PDB file of N, CA and C in Angstrom:
ATOM      1  N   MET A   1      72.118  86.040  60.955  1.00  0.00           N
ATOM      2  CA  MET A   1      73.631  87.102  60.806  1.00  0.00           C
ATOM      3  C   MET A   1      73.711  87.781  62.436  1.00  0.00           C
ATOM      4  N   LEU A   2      74.857  87.260  62.441  1.00  0.00           N
ATOM      5  CA  LEU A   2      75.244  87.998  64.142  1.00  0.00           C
ATOM      6  C   LEU A   2      75.704  89.533  63.893  1.00  0.00           C
ATOM      7  N   GLN A   3      75.158  90.315  64.739  1.00  0.00           N
ATOM      8  CA  GLN A   3      74.823  91.674  64.651  1.00  0.00           C
ATOM      9  C   GLN A   3      75.287  91.935  66.503  1.00  0.00           C
ATOM     10  N   ILE A   4      76.537  92.923  66.215  1.00  0.00           N
ATOM     11  CA  ILE A   4      76.804  93.369  67.505  1.00  0.00           C
ATOM     12  C   ILE A   4      76.515  94.292  67.698  1.00  0.00           C
ATOM     13  N   THR A   5      75.597  94.763  68.917  1.00  0.00           N
ATOM     14  CA  THR A   5      74.758  96.346  68.500  1.00  0.00           C
ATOM     15  C   THR A   5      75.275  96.939  70.019  1.00  0.00           C
ATOM     16  N   PRO A   6      75.295  98.347  70.258  1.00  0.00           N
ATOM     17  CA  PRO A   6      76.168  98.782  71.665  1.00  0.00           C
ATOM     18  C   PRO A   6      74.833  98.431  72.697  1.00  0.00           C
ATOM     19  N   GLN A   7      73.718  97.989  72.758  1.00  0.00           N
ATOM     20  CA  GLN A   7      73.271  97.604  73.930  1.00  0.00           C
ATOM     21  C   GLN A   7      73.460  96.159  74.487  1.00  0.00           C
ATOM     22  N   MET A   8      74.206  95.579  73.578  1.00  0.00           N
ATOM     23  CA  MET A   8      74.435  94.186  73.962  1.00  0.00           C
ATOM     24  C   MET A   8      75.351  93.950  75.022  1.00  0.00           C
ATOM     25  N   LYS A   9      75.348  93.388  75.875  1.00  0.00           N
ATOM     26  CA  LYS A   9      76.103  92.979  77.106  1.00  0.00           C
ATOM     27  C   LYS A   9      77.417  92.403  76.566  1.00  0.00           C
ATOM     28  N   VAL A  10      78.196  92.813  76.760  1.00  0.00           N
ATOM     29  CA  VAL A  10      79.816  91.799  76.602  1.00  0.00           C
ATOM     30  C   VAL A  10      80.475  91.097  77.647  1.00  0.00           C
ATOM     31  N   PHE A  11      80.654  89.642  77.958  1.00  0.00           N
ATOM     32  CA  PHE A  11      81.363  89.622  78.824  1.00  0.00           C
ATOM     33  C   PHE A  11      82.974  88.830  78.416  1.00  0.00           C
ATOM     34  N   VAL A  12      83.664  88.994  78.858  1.00  0.00           N
ATOM     35  CA  VAL A  12      85.257  88.353  78.088  1.00  0.00           C
ATOM     36  C   VAL A  12      85.774  87.680  79.675  1.00  0.00           C
ATOM     37  N   ALA A  13      85.866  85.861  79.526  1.00  0.00           N
ATOM     38  CA  ALA A  13      86.344  85.185  80.270  1.00  0.00           C
ATOM     39  C   ALA A  13      87.971  85.725  80.458  1.00  0.00           C
ATOM     40  N   VAL A  14      88.159  85.969  81.652  1.00  0.00           N
ATOM     41  CA  VAL A  14      89.415  86.681  81.931  1.00  0.00           C
ATOM     42  C   VAL A  14      90.654  85.127  81.551  1.00  0.00           C
ATOM     43  N   GLU A  15      90.299  84.135  82.126  1.00  0.00           N
ATOM     44  CA  GLU A  15      91.079  82.699  82.027  1.00  0.00           C
ATOM     45  C   GLU A  15      91.038  82.235  80.922  1.00  0.00           C
ATOM     46  N   PRO A  16      91.916  81.390  80.268  1.00  0.00           N
ATOM     47  CA  PRO A  16      91.922  80.864  79.078  1.00  0.00           C
ATOM     48  C   PRO A  16      91.096  79.602  78.968  1.00  0.00           C
ATOM     49  N   VAL A  17      90.375  79.160  77.958  1.00  0.00           N
ATOM     50  CA  VAL A  17      89.772  77.957  77.857  1.00  0.00           C
ATOM     51  C   VAL A  17      89.827  76.919  77.012  1.00  0.00           C
ATOM     52  N   ASP A  18      89.877  75.414  77.108  1.00  0.00           N
ATOM     53  CA  ASP A  18      90.197  74.479  75.943  1.00  0.00           C
ATOM     54  C   ASP A  18      89.406  74.865  75.049  1.00  0.00           C
ATOM     55  N   PHE A  19      89.710  75.183  74.181  1.00  0.00           N
ATOM     56  CA  PHE A  19      89.130  75.237  72.851  1.00  0.00           C
ATOM     57  C   PHE A  19      88.499  73.796  71.648  1.00  0.00           C
ATOM     58  N   ARG A  20      88.822  73.011  72.776  1.00  0.00           N
ATOM     59  CA  ARG A  20      88.186  71.644  72.077  1.00  0.00           C
ATOM     60  C   ARG A  20      86.430  71.735  72.754  1.00  0.00           C
ATOM     61  N   CYS A  21      86.088  72.664  73.770  1.00  0.00           N
ATOM     62  CA  CYS A  21      84.984  72.958  74.173  1.00  0.00           C
ATOM     63  C   CYS A  21      84.013  73.439  72.815  1.00  0.00           C
ATOM     64  N   GLY A  22      82.524  72.893  72.797  1.00  0.00           N
ATOM     65  CA  GLY A  22      81.794  73.444  71.515  1.00  0.00           C
ATOM     66  C   GLY A  22      81.012  74.466  72.478  1.00  0.00           C
ATOM     67  N   ILE A  23      79.770  74.433  72.151  1.00  0.00           N
ATOM     68  CA  ILE A  23      78.760  75.340  72.289  1.00  0.00           C
ATOM     69  C   ILE A  23      78.427  74.927  73.453  1.00  0.00           C
ATOM     70  N   ASP A  24      78.161  73.451  74.008  1.00  0.00           N
ATOM     71  CA  ASP A  24      77.674  72.753  75.228  1.00  0.00           C
ATOM     72  C   ASP A  24      78.737  73.563  76.561  1.00  0.00           C
ATOM     73  N   GLY A  25      80.156  72.867  75.831  1.00  0.00           N
ATOM     74  CA  GLY A  25      80.969  72.713  76.631  1.00  0.00           C
ATOM     75  C   GLY A  25      81.469  74.533  77.152  1.00  0.00           C
ATOM     76  N   LEU A  26      81.374  75.334  76.243  1.00  0.00           N
ATOM     77  CA  LEU A  26      81.218  77.104  76.849  1.00  0.00           C
ATOM     78  C   LEU A  26      80.131  77.375  77.264  1.00  0.00           C
ATOM     79  N   ALA A  27      79.016  76.786  77.287  1.00  0.00           N
ATOM     80  CA  ALA A  27      77.884  77.741  77.790  1.00  0.00           C
ATOM     81  C   ALA A  27      77.754  76.661  79.622  1.00  0.00           C
ATOM     82  N   GLN A  28      78.218  75.658  79.671  1.00  0.00           N
ATOM     83  CA  GLN A  28      78.723  75.092  80.920  1.00  0.00           C
ATOM     84  C   GLN A  28      79.941  76.365  81.783  1.00  0.00           C
ATOM     85  N   VAL A  29      80.690  76.482  80.949  1.00  0.00           N
ATOM     86  CA  VAL A  29      81.604  77.735  81.227  1.00  0.00           C
ATOM     87  C   VAL A  29      80.854  79.082  82.199  1.00  0.00           C
ATOM     88  N   CYS A  30      79.647  79.622  80.896  1.00  0.00           N
ATOM     89  CA  CYS A  30      79.057  80.749  81.507  1.00  0.00           C
ATOM     90  C   CYS A  30      78.099  80.539  82.668  1.00  0.00           C
ATOM     91  N   ARG A  31      78.032  79.633  82.642  1.00  0.00           N
ATOM     92  CA  ARG A  31      76.872  79.019  83.949  1.00  0.00           C
ATOM     93  C   ARG A  31      77.679  78.651  85.139  1.00  0.00           C
ATOM     94  N   ALA A  32      79.049  78.245  85.106  1.00  0.00           N
ATOM     95  CA  ALA A  32      79.625  77.622  86.211  1.00  0.00           C
ATOM     96  C   ALA A  32      80.735  78.623  86.607  1.00  0.00           C
ATOM     97  N   GLN A  33      81.523  79.146  85.671  1.00  0.00           N
ATOM     98  CA  GLN A  33      82.752  79.743  86.161  1.00  0.00           C
ATOM     99  C   GLN A  33      82.095  81.724  86.011  1.00  0.00           C
ATOM    100  N   LEU A  34      81.749  82.015  84.812  1.00  0.00           N
ATOM    101  CA  LEU A  34      81.048  83.149  85.071  1.00  0.00           C
ATOM    102  C   LEU A  34      80.043  83.898  85.723  1.00  0.00           C
ATOM    103  N   ARG A  35      79.165  82.922  85.641  1.00  0.00           N
ATOM    104  CA  ARG A  35      78.043  83.228  86.710  1.00  0.00           C
ATOM    105  C   ARG A  35      77.557  83.853  86.138  1.00  0.00           C
ATOM    106  N   GLU A  36      76.892  83.805  84.771  1.00  0.00           N
ATOM    107  CA  GLU A  36      76.269  84.646  83.676  1.00  0.00           C
ATOM    108  C   GLU A  36      75.115  83.303  82.966  1.00  0.00           C
ATOM    109  N   ASP A  37      74.111  83.774  82.696  1.00  0.00           N
ATOM    110  CA  ASP A  37      72.878  82.760  81.754  1.00  0.00           C
ATOM    111  C   ASP A  37      73.445  82.968  80.291  1.00  0.00           C
ATOM    112  N   PRO A  38      73.734  81.945  80.199  1.00  0.00           N
ATOM    113  CA  PRO A  38      74.252  81.742  78.599  1.00  0.00           C
ATOM    114  C   PRO A  38      72.905  81.753  77.410  1.00  0.00           C
ATOM    115  N   PHE A  39      71.712  81.687  77.931  1.00  0.00           N
ATOM    116  CA  PHE A  39      70.701  81.724  77.225  1.00  0.00           C
ATOM    117  C   PHE A  39      70.220  83.455  77.365  1.00  0.00           C
ATOM    118  N   GLY A  40      70.879  84.581  78.073  1.00  0.00           N
ATOM    119  CA  GLY A  40      70.479  85.970  77.865  1.00  0.00           C
ATOM    120  C   GLY A  40      70.959  86.556  76.745  1.00  0.00           C
ATOM    121  N   GLY A  41      71.451  86.320  75.547  1.00  0.00           N
ATOM    122  CA  GLY A  41      71.351  87.524  74.888  1.00  0.00           C
ATOM    123  C   GLY A  41      72.640  88.215  75.169  1.00  0.00           C
ATOM    124  N   ALA A  42      73.873  87.595  76.117  1.00  0.00           N
ATOM    125  CA  ALA A  42      74.797  88.401  76.255  1.00  0.00           C
ATOM    126  C   ALA A  42      75.680  87.819  74.942  1.00  0.00           C
ATOM    127  N   VAL A  43      76.966  88.561  74.920  1.00  0.00           N
ATOM    128  CA  VAL A  43      77.986  88.171  73.901  1.00  0.00           C
ATOM    129  C   VAL A  43      79.305  87.808  75.060  1.00  0.00           C
ATOM    130  N   PHE A  44      79.327  86.321  74.685  1.00  0.00           N
ATOM    131  CA  PHE A  44      80.370  85.398  75.626  1.00  0.00           C
ATOM    132  C   PHE A  44      81.517  85.634  74.979  1.00  0.00           C
ATOM    133  N   VAL A  45      82.949  85.983  75.439  1.00  0.00           N
ATOM    134  CA  VAL A  45      84.308  85.788  74.859  1.00  0.00           C
ATOM    135  C   VAL A  45      85.086  85.107  75.477  1.00  0.00           C
ATOM    136  N   PHE A  46      85.717  84.275  74.675  1.00  0.00           N
ATOM    137  CA  PHE A  46      87.083  83.534  75.177  1.00  0.00           C
ATOM    138  C   PHE A  46      87.928  83.549  74.364  1.00  0.00           C
ATOM    139  N   ARG A  47      89.257  82.835  75.255  1.00  0.00           N
ATOM    140  CA  ARG A  47      90.638  82.989  74.799  1.00  0.00           C
ATOM    141  C   ARG A  47      91.468  81.849  74.287  1.00  0.00           C
ATOM    142  N   SER A  48      91.893  81.208  73.393  1.00  0.00           N
ATOM    143  CA  SER A  48      92.752  79.959  73.985  1.00  0.00           C
ATOM    144  C   SER A  48      93.965  80.008  74.671  1.00  0.00           C
ATOM    145  N   LYS A  49      94.578  79.045  75.165  1.00  0.00           N
ATOM    146  CA  LYS A  49      95.736  78.958  76.051  1.00  0.00           C
ATOM    147  C   LYS A  49      97.163  79.751  75.267  1.00  0.00           C
ATOM    148  N   GLN A  50      96.807  79.605  74.167  1.00  0.00           N
ATOM    149  CA  GLN A  50      98.015  79.939  73.356  1.00  0.00           C
ATOM    150  C   GLN A  50      97.595  81.519  73.221  1.00  0.00           C
ATOM    151  N   GLY A  51      96.765  82.012  73.430  1.00  0.00           N
ATOM    152  CA  GLY A  51      96.700  83.828  73.087  1.00  0.00           C
ATOM    153  C   GLY A  51      96.493  83.607  71.230  1.00  0.00           C
ATOM    154  N   THR A  52      96.493  82.603  70.817  1.00  0.00           N
ATOM    155  CA  THR A  52      96.067  82.730  69.102  1.00  0.00           C
ATOM    156  C   THR A  52      94.679  82.747  68.802  1.00  0.00           C
ATOM    157  N   GLY A  53      93.954  82.513  69.183  1.00  0.00           N
ATOM    158  CA  GLY A  53      92.355  82.230  69.439  1.00  0.00           C
ATOM    159  C   GLY A  53      91.242  82.920  70.160  1.00  0.00           C
ATOM    160  N   ILE A  54      90.262  83.380  69.908  1.00  0.00           N
ATOM    161  CA  ILE A  54      89.203  83.827  70.308  1.00  0.00           C
ATOM    162  C   ILE A  54      87.855  83.055  70.191  1.00  0.00           C
ATOM    163  N   LYS A  55      87.272  82.845  70.800  1.00  0.00           N
ATOM    164  CA  LYS A  55      85.438  82.161  70.334  1.00  0.00           C
ATOM    165  C   LYS A  55      84.661  83.364  71.007  1.00  0.00           C
ATOM    166  N   LEU A  56      83.781  83.440  70.194  1.00  0.00           N
ATOM    167  CA  LEU A  56      82.389  84.036  70.987  1.00  0.00           C
ATOM    168  C   LEU A  56      81.106  83.390  70.684  1.00  0.00           C
ATOM    169  N   LEU A  57      80.372  83.416  71.764  1.00  0.00           N
ATOM    170  CA  LEU A  57      79.270  82.479  71.786  1.00  0.00           C
ATOM    171  C   LEU A  57      77.997  83.380  72.258  1.00  0.00           C
ATOM    172  N   VAL A  58      76.728  83.291  71.398  1.00  0.00           N
ATOM    173  CA  VAL A  58      75.660  84.465  71.369  1.00  0.00           C
ATOM    174  C   VAL A  58      74.610  83.447  71.444  1.00  0.00           C
ATOM    175  N   TYR A  59      73.637  83.554  72.226  1.00  0.00           N
ATOM    176  CA  TYR A  59      72.241  82.981  71.887  1.00  0.00           C
ATOM    177  C   TYR A  59      71.447  84.396  71.514  1.00  0.00           C
ATOM    178  N   ASP A  60      70.562  83.625  70.084  1.00  0.00           N
ATOM    179  CA  ASP A  60      69.793  85.217  69.737  1.00  0.00           C
ATOM    180  C   ASP A  60      68.392  84.739  69.449  1.00  0.00           C
ATOM    181  N   GLY A  61      68.172  83.782  70.472  1.00  0.00           N
ATOM    182  CA  GLY A  61      66.381  83.566  70.745  1.00  0.00           C
ATOM    183  C   GLY A  61      66.244  82.045  69.834  1.00  0.00           C
ATOM    184  N   GLN A  62      66.897  81.800  69.680  1.00  0.00           N
ATOM    185  CA  GLN A  62      66.122  80.111  68.345  1.00  0.00           C
ATOM    186  C   GLN A  62      67.530  79.421  68.639  1.00  0.00           C
ATOM    187  N   GLY A  63      69.058  79.716  68.929  1.00  0.00           N
ATOM    188  CA  GLY A  63      69.709  79.169  68.888  1.00  0.00           C
ATOM    189  C   GLY A  63      71.118  79.942  68.874  1.00  0.00           C
ATOM    190  N   PHE A  64      72.322  79.307  69.320  1.00  0.00           N
ATOM    191  CA  PHE A  64      73.137  79.517  69.298  1.00  0.00           C
ATOM    192  C   PHE A  64      74.275  80.021  68.224  1.00  0.00           C
ATOM    193  N   TRP A  65      75.021  80.658  68.287  1.00  0.00           N
ATOM    194  CA  TRP A  65      76.155  81.253  67.152  1.00  0.00           C
ATOM    195  C   TRP A  65      77.227  80.754  68.032  1.00  0.00           C
ATOM    196  N   LEU A  66      78.095  80.504  67.556  1.00  0.00           N
ATOM    197  CA  LEU A  66      79.629  79.726  68.226  1.00  0.00           C
ATOM    198  C   LEU A  66      80.733  80.714  66.865  1.00  0.00           C
ATOM    199  N   CYS A  67      81.082  81.680  66.877  1.00  0.00           N
ATOM    200  CA  CYS A  67      82.204  82.278  66.130  1.00  0.00           C
ATOM    201  C   CYS A  67      83.421  81.998  66.365  1.00  0.00           C
ATOM    202  N   HIS A  68      84.987  81.561  65.691  1.00  0.00           N
ATOM    203  CA  HIS A  68      86.048  81.042  66.249  1.00  0.00           C
ATOM    204  C   HIS A  68      86.692  82.119  65.382  1.00  0.00           C
ATOM    205  N   LYS A  69      87.790  83.308  65.863  1.00  0.00           N
ATOM    206  CA  LYS A  69      89.170  83.470  65.255  1.00  0.00           C
ATOM    207  C   LYS A  69      90.171  83.064  65.618  1.00  0.00           C
ATOM    208  N   ARG A  70      90.978  82.329  64.618  1.00  0.00           N
ATOM    209  CA  ARG A  70      92.450  82.445  64.975  1.00  0.00           C
ATOM    210  C   ARG A  70      93.153  83.200  64.172  1.00  0.00           C
ATOM    211  N   LEU A  71      94.039  83.871  64.549  1.00  0.00           N
ATOM    212  CA  LEU A  71      95.153  84.597  64.156  1.00  0.00           C
ATOM    213  C   LEU A  71      96.175  84.064  63.329  1.00  0.00           C
ATOM    214  N   SER A  72      96.688  84.700  61.935  1.00  0.00           N
ATOM    215  CA  SER A  72      97.591  83.274  60.826  1.00  0.00           C
ATOM    216  C   SER A  72      98.709  83.837  61.202  1.00  0.00           C
ATOM    217  N   LYS A  73      99.088  84.809  62.343  1.00  0.00           N
ATOM    218  CA  LYS A  73     100.415  85.039  62.907  1.00  0.00           C
ATOM    219  C   LYS A  73     100.505  86.182  64.415  1.00  0.00           C
ATOM    220  N   GLY A  74     101.069  85.593  65.120  1.00  0.00           N
ATOM    221  CA  GLY A  74     100.970  86.269  65.987  1.00  0.00           C
ATOM    222  C   GLY A  74     100.049  85.900  67.417  1.00  0.00           C
ATOM    223  N   ARG A  75      99.771  87.053  68.337  1.00  0.00           N
ATOM    224  CA  ARG A  75      99.059  86.641  69.151  1.00  0.00           C
ATOM    225  C   ARG A  75      97.856  87.815  70.152  1.00  0.00           C
ATOM    226  N   PHE A  76      96.772  87.417  70.308  1.00  0.00           N
ATOM    227  CA  PHE A  76      96.023  88.643  70.622  1.00  0.00           C
ATOM    228  C   PHE A  76      96.813  89.510  72.148  1.00  0.00           C
ATOM    229  N   GLN A  77      97.379  90.761  71.703  1.00  0.00           N
ATOM    230  CA  GLN A  77      98.416  91.358  72.326  1.00  0.00           C
ATOM    231  C   GLN A  77      97.458  91.947  73.994  1.00  0.00           C
ATOM    232  N   TRP A  78      96.188  92.211  74.029  1.00  0.00           N
ATOM    233  CA  TRP A  78      95.863  92.462  74.892  1.00  0.00           C
ATOM    234  C   TRP A  78      94.687  91.643  75.806  1.00  0.00           C
ATOM    235  N   TRP A  79      94.645  91.251  76.763  1.00  0.00           N
ATOM    236  CA  TRP A  79      93.222  90.936  77.203  1.00  0.00           C
ATOM    237  C   TRP A  79      93.044  91.134  79.027  1.00  0.00           C
ATOM    238  N   PRO A  80      91.467  91.199  79.104  1.00  0.00           N
ATOM    239  CA  PRO A  80      91.783  92.189  80.362  1.00  0.00           C
ATOM    240  C   PRO A  80      91.955  90.991  81.439  1.00  0.00           C
ATOM    241  N   SER A  81      92.366  91.863  82.710  1.00  0.00           N
ATOM    242  CA  SER A  81      92.460  90.692  83.410  1.00  0.00           C
ATOM    243  C   SER A  81      91.300  90.812  84.950  1.00  0.00           C
ATOM    244  N   ALA A  82      91.191  90.383  85.751  1.00  0.00           N
ATOM    245  CA  ALA A  82      90.699  90.280  86.934  1.00  0.00           C
ATOM    246  C   ALA A  82      90.975  91.629  87.908  1.00  0.00           C
ATOM    247  N   ARG A  83      89.963  92.279  88.308  1.00  0.00           N
ATOM    248  CA  ARG A  83      89.973  93.297  88.843  1.00  0.00           C
ATOM    249  C   ARG A  83      90.131  92.887  90.511  1.00  0.00           C
ATOM    250  N   ALA A  84      89.502  92.017  91.060  1.00  0.00           N
ATOM    251  CA  ALA A  84      89.052  91.455  91.944  1.00  0.00           C
ATOM    252  C   ALA A  84      89.593  89.866  91.925  1.00  0.00           C
ATOM    253  N   LYS A  85      89.771  89.353  93.040  1.00  0.00           N
ATOM    254  CA  LYS A  85      90.083  88.032  92.963  1.00  0.00           C
ATOM    255  C   LYS A  85      89.211  86.636  92.751  1.00  0.00           C
ATOM    256  N   ASN A  86      87.692  87.219  92.923  1.00  0.00           N
ATOM    257  CA  ASN A  86      86.504  86.256  92.793  1.00  0.00           C
ATOM    258  C   ASN A  86      85.989  86.623  91.377  1.00  0.00           C
ATOM    259  N   GLU A  87      86.517  87.495  90.384  1.00  0.00           N
ATOM    260  CA  GLU A  87      86.131  87.929  89.053  1.00  0.00           C
ATOM    261  C   GLU A  87      86.800  87.187  87.869  1.00  0.00           C
ATOM    262  N   ALA A  88      85.477  86.425  87.472  1.00  0.00           N
ATOM    263  CA  ALA A  88      86.160  85.483  86.192  1.00  0.00           C
ATOM    264  C   ALA A  88      85.902  86.159  84.973  1.00  0.00           C
ATOM    265  N   SER A  89      85.425  87.162  84.890  1.00  0.00           N
ATOM    266  CA  SER A  89      84.668  87.985  83.501  1.00  0.00           C
ATOM    267  C   SER A  89      85.272  89.676  83.923  1.00  0.00           C
ATOM    268  N   ALA A  90      85.289  89.923  82.646  1.00  0.00           N
ATOM    269  CA  ALA A  90      85.177  91.411  82.468  1.00  0.00           C
ATOM    270  C   ALA A  90      84.414  91.934  81.933  1.00  0.00           C
ATOM    271  N   ARG A  91      83.871  93.059  81.561  1.00  0.00           N
ATOM    272  CA  ARG A  91      82.970  93.755  80.708  1.00  0.00           C
ATOM    273  C   ARG A  91      83.518  94.780  79.631  1.00  0.00           C
ATOM    274  N   LEU A  92      83.271  94.427  78.333  1.00  0.00           N
ATOM    275  CA  LEU A  92      83.365  95.291  77.731  1.00  0.00           C
ATOM    276  C   LEU A  92      82.342  95.905  76.754  1.00  0.00           C
ATOM    277  N   LEU A  93      82.331  97.098  75.704  1.00  0.00           N
ATOM    278  CA  LEU A  93      81.420  97.970  75.039  1.00  0.00           C
ATOM    279  C   LEU A  93      81.273  97.480  73.698  1.00  0.00           C
ATOM    280  N   ALA A  94      80.280  97.337  72.949  1.00  0.00           N
ATOM    281  CA  ALA A  94      80.640  96.613  71.804  1.00  0.00           C
ATOM    282  C   ALA A  94      81.393  97.048  70.729  1.00  0.00           C
ATOM    283  N   HIS A  95      81.742  98.656  71.136  1.00  0.00           N
ATOM    284  CA  HIS A  95      82.742  98.992  69.753  1.00  0.00           C
ATOM    285  C   HIS A  95      84.676  98.383  70.606  1.00  0.00           C
ATOM    286  N   GLU A  96      84.663  97.986  71.461  1.00  0.00           N
ATOM    287  CA  GLU A  96      85.883  97.870  72.438  1.00  0.00           C
ATOM    288  C   GLU A  96      85.886  96.293  71.695  1.00  0.00           C
ATOM    289  N   LEU A  97      84.885  95.388  71.795  1.00  0.00           N
ATOM    290  CA  LEU A  97      84.889  94.205  71.540  1.00  0.00           C
ATOM    291  C   LEU A  97      85.161  94.336  69.845  1.00  0.00           C
ATOM    292  N   GLN A  98      84.762  94.899  69.019  1.00  0.00           N
ATOM    293  CA  GLN A  98      84.993  94.904  67.903  1.00  0.00           C
ATOM    294  C   GLN A  98      86.713  95.586  67.708  1.00  0.00           C
ATOM    295  N   VAL A  99      87.030  96.259  68.482  1.00  0.00           N
ATOM    296  CA  VAL A  99      88.670  96.462  68.151  1.00  0.00           C
ATOM    297  C   VAL A  99      89.488  94.874  68.884  1.00  0.00           C
ATOM    298  N   LEU A 100      88.976  94.823  70.211  1.00  0.00           N
ATOM    299  CA  LEU A 100      89.736  93.415  70.414  1.00  0.00           C
ATOM    300  C   LEU A 100      89.539  92.273  69.293  1.00  0.00           C
ATOM    301  N   ILE A 101      88.760  91.708  68.090  1.00  0.00           N
ATOM    302  CA  ILE A 101      88.200  91.011  67.554  1.00  0.00           C
ATOM    303  C   ILE A 101      89.559  91.298  66.468  1.00  0.00           C
ATOM    304  N   CYS A 102      89.924  92.435  66.063  1.00  0.00           N
ATOM    305  CA  CYS A 102      90.833  92.761  65.359  1.00  0.00           C
ATOM    306  C   CYS A 102      92.128  92.682  65.711  1.00  0.00           C
ATOM    307  N   GLY A 103      92.140  92.072  67.148  1.00  0.00           N
ATOM    308  CA  GLY A 103      93.398  92.147  67.506  1.00  0.00           C
ATOM    309  C   GLY A 103      94.457  93.433  68.136  1.00  0.00           C
ATOM    310  N   GLY A 104      93.585  94.422  68.271  1.00  0.00           N
ATOM    311  CA  GLY A 104      93.662  95.595  68.961  1.00  0.00           C
ATOM    312  C   GLY A 104      93.547  95.429  70.565  1.00  0.00           C
ATOM    313  N   ASP A 105      94.142  96.834  70.922  1.00  0.00           N
ATOM    314  CA  ASP A 105      93.799  97.157  72.535  1.00  0.00           C
ATOM    315  C   ASP A 105      92.704  98.065  72.822  1.00  0.00           C
ATOM    316  N   PRO A 106      91.796  97.725  73.141  1.00  0.00           N
ATOM    317  CA  PRO A 106      90.263  98.640  73.172  1.00  0.00           C
ATOM    318  C   PRO A 106      90.945  99.647  74.268  1.00  0.00           C
ATOM    319  N   THR A 107      91.701  99.737  75.250  1.00  0.00           N
ATOM    320  CA  THR A 107      92.047 100.532  75.922  1.00  0.00           C
ATOM    321  C   THR A 107      92.931 101.585  75.357  1.00  0.00           C
ATOM    322  N   ARG A 108      93.169 101.215  74.467  1.00  0.00           N
ATOM    323  CA  ARG A 108      94.264 102.552  73.867  1.00  0.00           C
ATOM    324  C   ARG A 108      93.505 102.861  72.148  1.00  0.00           C
ATOM    325  N   ALA A 109      92.339 102.172  72.369  1.00  0.00           N
ATOM    326  CA  ALA A 109      91.304 102.900  71.106  1.00  0.00           C
ATOM    327  C   ALA A 109      91.134 104.128  71.267  1.00  0.00           C
ATOM    328  N   ARG A 110      90.946 105.267  69.920  1.00  0.00           N
ATOM    329  CA  ARG A 110      90.651 106.877  70.530  1.00  0.00           C
ATOM    330  C   ARG A 110      89.112 106.552  69.881  1.00  0.00           C
ATOM    331  N   VAL A 111      88.305 106.863  70.546  1.00  0.00           N
ATOM    332  CA  VAL A 111      86.870 106.952  70.204  1.00  0.00           C
ATOM    333  C   VAL A 111      86.054 107.431  70.871  1.00  0.00           C
ATOM    334  N   PRO A 112      84.745 108.187  70.451  1.00  0.00           N
ATOM    335  CA  PRO A 112      84.392 109.210  71.201  1.00  0.00           C
ATOM    336  C   PRO A 112      83.982 108.454  72.442  1.00  0.00           C
ATOM    337  N   ALA A 113      83.052 109.325  73.701  1.00  0.00           N
ATOM    338  CA  ALA A 113      82.610 108.894  74.537  1.00  0.00           C
ATOM    339  C   ALA A 113      81.366 108.098  74.072  1.00  0.00           C
ATOM    340  N   ALA A 114      80.627 106.738  74.935  1.00  0.00           N
ATOM    341  CA  ALA A 114      79.282 106.567  74.710  1.00  0.00           C
ATOM    342  C   ALA A 114      78.208 107.437  74.622  1.00  0.00           C
ATOM    343  N   TRP A 115      78.443 108.215  75.750  1.00  0.00           N
ATOM    344  CA  TRP A 115      77.317 109.326  75.610  1.00  0.00           C
ATOM    345  C   TRP A 115      77.743 110.804  75.731  1.00  0.00           C
ATOM    346  N   ARG A 116      77.598 111.681  75.396  1.00  0.00           N
ATOM    347  CA  ARG A 116      77.531 113.246  75.258  1.00  0.00           C
ATOM    348  C   ARG A 116      76.720 113.942  75.072  1.00  0.00           C
ATOM    349  N   ALA A 117      76.962 115.021  75.473  1.00  0.00           N
ATOM    350  CA  ALA A 117      75.982 116.172  75.456  1.00  0.00           C
ATOM    351  C   ALA A 117      75.747 116.801  74.288  1.00  0.00           C
ATOM    352  N   VAL A 118      74.638 117.160  72.971  1.00  0.00           N
ATOM    353  CA  VAL A 118      74.223 117.148  72.526  1.00  0.00           C
ATOM    354  C   VAL A 118      73.809 118.907  72.629  1.00  0.00           C
ATOM    355  N   GLY A 119      74.444 119.929  71.604  1.00  0.00           N
ATOM    356  CA  GLY A 119      74.235 121.413  71.612  1.00  0.00           C
ATOM    357  C   GLY A 119      75.044 121.916  72.555  1.00  0.00           C
TER     358      GLY A 119
END
């Protein structure tokens, strides 16, 4: 079972990838383009060139999970862009990833702050 927790790091590839890539191909993208270790337990999110599909790659300590979602209508409306020229990925919080998976815009989601003073 794949569970995304608030403590997990989420890296979103800014540029689309070839969706013919499987686990090994996406793990290589993690190493070469995103400069991250695919065995580190982070969630890696990739978008198809057409913007109609996303893939999530996660290593759980025993093996890789590769999840694919393709929208039956439309495209994913929001996708992060690089803030600097050399950035190949953007970071998201777990709840922002859930909004993205549902085809929403995480920047417009109205959720409470991740941390707030109690009392």
